[in-house]
Amino acid sequence: MGLPGRPVLAAAVAVLLASAAVGCGDAGELQGAGATPTAISPDRLWPDLTPASRPAFDIGEVDTEVVKGITVPDGDIRKVDPVAVVAKEIAEHPGDYGQGSYGETARRMADCGKSGAQGTRCPVLKAYYRDLTGDGHADLTLGFRQLPGNLTAVRVYTVRKNRLVKVMAYEDAVSGVELAGRSVIIRAPSEVAGYEYRLQWTWDQQQQAMLLTHDEMLRTGGRKRSPRPSASGASGASSASPSGRPDPSSASASASSASASASESPASSRVSSSASGR
């Protein structure tokens, strides 16, 4: 019997391939995802406008300060008393904490270290230690209430040559604070229902300071928020910056941040200052 010709073999192969296709069904077949939006390039507005060469306002984003009168034994920041650090700041700003807006904070400092209910009146919060600067040594993140309002001051300190150095200062109506990597993330309530502000400071090796790298307004899933304090009521970040200077308008950074919080979708940016300006 002679061998089948090439046409016969080709037909047999076609039948086998068709059978295999039927057996596999449509697995792996591409599915349509719907219409794709047309890409729109950014439009540059006012191209004839002379670019600014200097900022309109000094928001103190790289301000650092050596805390005078506070020693760091053996260069170990854990041996520094957080209450003493806050007391030093209060003493250096009598206009704010003497008879000023935060007089209640100064009065309650006397309750720090006491036991029982009286000790809970201390405005200094628990201190946290983590290497935020990347030098292999712990840095100090502390907070204290600015009373009688609802503001909370957040500070970050590091050690340089056995000296305590403040590398970040901010106050706001805080709803949450997180440490993630070399960043401090502060969440604050918004006057818009279902949204909150999220600010992130990240250590910058070149500037040797914590810089405000993200300033966003995020959806929270519909949770209602209490109104933020007004500028006339000792506001930390509404129409005026924590230092009392007007804030420049700023666009929200687009890069994603390293955070341990649940995923959120950015909606818009707000204006704020990165430091207290003290």
Protein backbone atom coordinates (compact mmCIF):
# COMPACT_ATOMS: atom_id res chain seq x y z
CA MET A 1 0.00 0.00 0.00
CA GLY A 2 1.41 3.37 -0.94
CA LEU A 3 2.10 6.20 1.45
CA PRO A 4 -0.56 8.91 1.67
CA GLY A 5 0.13 12.04 -0.30
CA ARG A 6 0.85 15.44 1.21
CA PRO A 7 -2.73 16.71 0.74
CA VAL A 8 -4.05 13.80 2.82
CA LEU A 9 -1.50 14.44 5.62
CA ALA A 10 -2.33 18.15 5.68
CA ALA A 11 -6.03 17.41 6.01
CA ALA A 12 -5.36 14.99 8.90
CA VAL A 13 -3.26 17.55 10.74
CA ALA A 14 -5.98 20.20 10.30
CA VAL A 15 -8.58 17.82 11.81
CA LEU A 16 -6.34 17.11 14.82
CA LEU A 17 -5.72 20.82 15.46
CA ALA A 18 -9.41 21.58 15.21
CA SER A 19 -10.20 18.80 17.69
CA ALA A 20 -7.58 20.11 20.12
CA ALA A 21 -9.02 23.61 19.89
CA VAL A 22 -12.52 22.33 20.64
CA GLY A 23 -11.23 20.34 23.62
CA CYS A 24 -9.46 23.35 25.14
CA GLY A 25 -12.44 25.62 24.77
CA ASP A 26 -11.71 29.36 24.78
CA ALA A 27 -9.32 29.36 27.76
CA GLY A 28 -6.70 32.06 27.42
CA GLU A 29 -8.71 33.99 24.86
CA LEU A 30 -8.35 37.77 25.10
CA GLN A 31 -11.37 39.54 26.53
CA GLY A 32 -12.37 43.11 25.77
CA ALA A 33 -11.94 45.60 28.62
CA GLY A 34 -14.15 48.25 27.12
CA ALA A 35 -13.33 51.52 25.48
CA THR A 36 -9.93 53.04 26.25
CA PRO A 37 -9.91 56.74 27.10
CA THR A 38 -8.07 58.91 24.65
CA ALA A 39 -4.70 60.02 25.99
CA ILE A 40 -4.52 63.78 26.49
CA SER A 41 -1.19 65.50 26.72
CA PRO A 42 -0.74 68.16 29.43
CA ASP A 43 -1.33 71.75 28.40
CA ARG A 44 1.14 74.33 29.56
CA LEU A 45 -0.72 77.42 30.72
CA TRP A 46 0.55 80.97 30.32
CA PRO A 47 3.83 80.07 28.57
CA ASP A 48 4.85 83.74 28.48
CA LEU A 49 4.65 84.06 32.26
CA THR A 50 8.09 84.69 33.77
CA PRO A 51 8.96 81.71 36.02
CA ALA A 52 9.38 82.58 39.71
CA SER A 53 12.91 82.24 41.03
CA ARG A 54 12.09 82.30 44.74
CA PRO A 55 9.13 81.18 46.91
CA ALA A 56 6.46 83.67 47.92
CA PHE A 57 6.45 82.47 51.53
CA ASP A 58 9.01 80.99 53.89
CA ILE A 59 7.35 77.83 55.15
CA GLY A 60 10.46 76.55 56.91
CA GLU A 61 10.54 73.15 55.27
CA VAL A 62 14.23 72.60 56.05
CA ASP A 63 14.41 74.36 59.40
CA THR A 64 16.40 72.42 61.97
CA GLU A 65 17.29 73.48 65.48
CA VAL A 66 19.74 72.35 68.15
CA VAL A 67 17.88 72.04 71.45
CA LYS A 68 20.03 74.00 73.86
CA GLY A 69 20.21 72.85 77.46
CA ILE A 70 19.33 69.22 76.69
CA THR A 71 22.23 66.77 76.78
CA VAL A 72 22.26 63.33 75.15
CA PRO A 73 24.18 60.94 77.45
CA ASP A 74 26.48 58.65 75.44
CA GLY A 75 24.71 59.83 72.28
CA ASP A 76 21.74 57.60 73.19
CA ILE A 77 18.51 59.48 72.49
CA ARG A 78 16.56 57.00 74.61
CA LYS A 79 18.23 58.52 77.67
CA VAL A 80 16.70 61.92 76.93
CA ASP A 81 13.58 62.78 78.96
CA PRO A 82 10.75 63.64 76.51
CA VAL A 83 9.01 65.73 79.17
CA ALA A 84 12.15 67.82 79.57
CA VAL A 85 12.29 68.35 75.79
CA VAL A 86 8.70 69.63 75.68
CA ALA A 87 9.25 71.77 78.78
CA LYS A 88 12.25 73.35 77.06
CA GLU A 89 10.19 74.26 74.01
CA ILE A 90 7.45 75.73 76.18
CA ALA A 91 9.97 77.82 78.10
CA GLU A 92 11.44 79.19 74.86
CA HIS A 93 8.03 80.35 73.57
CA PRO A 94 6.28 82.12 76.45
CA GLY A 95 4.12 84.04 73.99
CA ASP A 96 2.47 80.79 72.94
CA TYR A 97 2.47 78.84 76.19
CA GLY A 98 2.55 81.49 78.91
CA GLN A 99 -0.60 83.55 78.57
CA GLY A 100 -0.95 82.60 74.90
CA SER A 101 -3.12 80.19 72.99
CA TYR A 102 -1.68 77.07 74.66
CA GLY A 103 -1.55 78.21 78.27
CA GLU A 104 -3.33 75.07 79.43
CA THR A 105 -0.47 72.96 78.06
CA ALA A 106 2.03 74.83 80.22
CA ARG A 107 -0.15 74.44 83.32
CA ARG A 108 -0.60 70.71 82.85
CA MET A 109 3.13 70.07 82.50
CA ALA A 110 3.19 70.00 86.30
CA ASP A 111 1.10 66.79 86.16
CA CYS A 112 3.71 64.87 84.16
CA GLY A 113 5.27 62.05 86.16
CA LYS A 114 2.46 61.92 88.69
CA SER A 115 0.43 58.79 89.30
CA GLY A 116 -3.26 58.19 89.01
CA ALA A 117 -5.77 60.43 87.30
CA GLN A 118 -3.59 63.48 87.81
CA GLY A 119 -0.81 61.94 85.76
CA THR A 120 -3.15 61.39 82.81
CA ARG A 121 -3.49 65.16 82.52
CA CYS A 122 0.11 65.42 81.31
CA PRO A 123 0.01 66.77 77.73
CA VAL A 124 3.13 64.85 76.64
CA LEU A 125 2.27 61.69 74.72
CA LYS A 126 4.19 58.42 74.61
CA ALA A 127 7.55 58.75 72.86
CA TYR A 128 8.51 56.46 69.98
CA TYR A 129 11.99 55.49 68.85
CA ARG A 130 12.93 54.46 65.32
CA ASP A 131 15.82 55.09 62.96
CA LEU A 132 14.32 57.64 60.58
CA THR A 133 17.60 59.16 59.39
CA GLY A 134 19.26 55.93 58.29
CA ASP A 135 22.37 56.34 60.46
CA GLY A 136 21.76 53.13 62.39
CA HIS A 137 20.69 54.91 65.58
CA ALA A 138 17.21 55.49 66.97
CA ASP A 139 15.58 58.89 66.53
CA LEU A 140 12.87 60.34 68.76
CA THR A 141 9.30 61.02 67.61
CA LEU A 142 7.22 62.71 70.27
CA GLY A 143 3.92 64.52 70.47
CA PHE A 144 2.16 66.75 72.94
CA ARG A 145 -1.28 68.32 73.13
CA GLN A 146 -1.64 72.04 72.55
CA LEU A 147 -4.42 72.84 74.96
CA PRO A 148 -7.15 73.94 75.45
CA GLY A 149 -7.76 73.34 71.73
CA ASN A 150 -7.63 70.05 69.86
CA LEU A 151 -4.21 70.49 68.25
CA THR A 152 -1.38 68.00 68.62
CA ALA A 153 2.26 68.97 68.07
CA VAL A 154 4.45 66.34 66.40
CA ARG A 155 8.24 66.59 66.63
CA VAL A 156 11.17 64.49 65.39
CA TYR A 157 14.62 64.71 66.97
CA THR A 158 17.95 63.15 66.06
CA VAL A 159 21.42 63.28 67.61
CA ARG A 160 24.46 65.01 66.14
CA LYS A 161 27.69 64.99 68.12
CA ASN A 162 25.79 64.28 71.35
CA ARG A 163 23.48 67.23 70.71
CA LEU A 164 19.72 66.93 70.36
CA VAL A 165 18.55 68.35 67.02
CA LYS A 166 14.94 68.96 66.00
CA VAL A 167 14.52 67.98 62.34
CA MET A 168 10.72 68.16 61.98
CA ALA A 169 7.95 70.16 63.65
CA TYR A 170 4.27 70.31 62.80
CA GLU A 171 0.97 70.73 64.60
CA ASP A 172 -2.57 70.01 63.47
CA ALA A 173 -5.89 68.54 64.54
CA VAL A 174 -4.43 65.05 64.29
CA SER A 175 -6.51 61.91 63.79
CA GLY A 176 -3.59 59.52 63.39
CA VAL A 177 0.20 59.33 63.14
CA GLU A 178 2.24 56.53 61.57
CA LEU A 179 5.91 55.73 61.07
CA ALA A 180 6.72 53.96 57.80
CA GLY A 181 10.30 53.46 56.67
CA ARG A 182 11.98 56.85 57.01
CA SER A 183 8.70 58.73 56.94
CA VAL A 184 6.27 60.25 59.42
CA ILE A 185 2.69 60.20 58.17
CA ILE A 186 0.04 62.42 59.76
CA ARG A 187 -3.68 62.07 59.09
CA ALA A 188 -5.93 65.00 59.90
CA PRO A 189 -9.70 65.50 59.58
CA SER A 190 -11.15 67.43 56.68
CA GLU A 191 -14.17 69.69 56.55
CA VAL A 192 -15.32 67.64 53.54
CA ALA A 193 -17.36 64.60 54.61
CA GLY A 194 -15.73 61.32 53.59
CA TYR A 195 -12.24 62.77 53.14
CA GLU A 196 -9.18 63.39 55.26
CA TYR A 197 -5.80 65.05 54.85
CA ARG A 198 -2.70 62.91 54.69
CA LEU A 199 0.72 64.51 55.06
CA GLN A 200 4.02 62.67 54.81
CA TRP A 201 7.44 63.85 55.92
CA THR A 202 10.44 61.87 54.68
CA TRP A 203 14.07 62.15 55.75
CA ASP A 204 16.21 63.89 53.14
CA GLN A 205 19.90 63.10 53.40
CA GLN A 206 21.01 66.15 51.46
CA GLN A 207 19.01 68.65 53.51
CA GLN A 208 19.52 66.74 56.77
CA ALA A 209 15.87 67.33 57.63
CA MET A 210 12.43 65.76 57.29
CA LEU A 211 10.83 67.23 54.16
CA LEU A 212 7.13 67.39 53.36
CA THR A 213 7.00 64.99 50.41
CA HIS A 214 3.24 64.35 50.19
CA ASP A 215 0.26 66.57 51.00
CA GLU A 216 -2.97 64.95 49.88
CA MET A 217 -6.71 64.85 50.43
CA LEU A 218 -7.94 61.25 50.48
CA ARG A 219 -11.24 59.43 50.52
CA THR A 220 -11.95 57.68 53.83
CA GLY A 221 -15.03 55.68 52.86
CA GLY A 222 -17.72 58.09 53.97
CA ARG A 223 -16.75 58.53 57.62
CA LYS A 224 -17.92 61.87 58.96
CA ARG A 225 -15.26 64.24 60.19
CA SER A 226 -15.55 67.06 62.67
CA PRO A 227 -14.77 70.53 61.27
CA ARG A 228 -11.14 71.61 61.39
CA PRO A 229 -10.34 74.55 63.65
CA SER A 230 -10.43 77.97 62.04
CA ALA A 231 -7.42 80.23 61.73
CA SER A 232 -8.87 82.45 64.46
CA GLY A 233 -9.04 79.51 66.84
CA ALA A 234 -5.40 78.42 66.93
CA SER A 235 -5.48 76.46 63.71
CA GLY A 236 -2.59 74.26 62.69
CA ALA A 237 -3.25 74.03 58.98
CA SER A 238 -6.34 75.77 57.67
CA SER A 239 -6.18 79.21 56.12
CA ALA A 240 -2.93 79.93 57.90
CA SER A 241 0.14 77.82 58.49
CA PRO A 242 1.16 76.65 61.98
CA SER A 243 3.53 79.59 62.18
CA GLY A 244 0.80 82.07 61.31
CA ARG A 245 2.10 82.69 57.79
CA PRO A 246 -0.23 82.37 54.79
CA ASP A 247 0.31 79.13 52.95
CA PRO A 248 1.15 78.93 49.24
CA SER A 249 -1.00 76.71 47.07
CA SER A 250 0.71 73.41 46.30
CA ALA A 251 -0.10 70.50 44.02
CA SER A 252 -0.26 67.03 45.50
CA ALA A 253 2.76 64.83 44.81
CA SER A 254 1.99 61.98 42.44
CA ALA A 255 4.45 59.40 43.71
CA SER A 256 3.00 56.74 46.01
CA SER A 257 4.17 56.74 49.63
CA ALA A 258 5.37 53.88 51.79
CA SER A 259 2.62 53.57 54.40
CA ALA A 260 1.32 50.84 56.62
CA SER A 261 -2.21 52.20 56.37
CA ALA A 262 -4.94 50.76 54.16
CA SER A 263 -4.93 51.71 50.50
CA GLU A 264 -6.59 55.02 49.68
CA SER A 265 -7.21 56.95 46.47
CA PRO A 266 -5.93 60.54 46.32
CA ALA A 267 -8.51 63.14 45.39
CA SER A 268 -6.85 66.52 45.59
CA SER A 269 -4.20 68.56 47.33
CA ARG A 270 -4.40 71.14 50.04
CA VAL A 271 -2.16 73.91 51.18
CA SER A 272 -0.09 73.51 54.31
CA SER A 273 3.23 74.20 55.92
CA SER A 274 5.84 71.55 56.56
CA ALA A 275 7.11 73.01 59.80
CA SER A 276 5.96 75.09 62.69
CA GLY A 277 8.44 77.82 61.90
CA ARG A 278 9.52 78.00 65.50
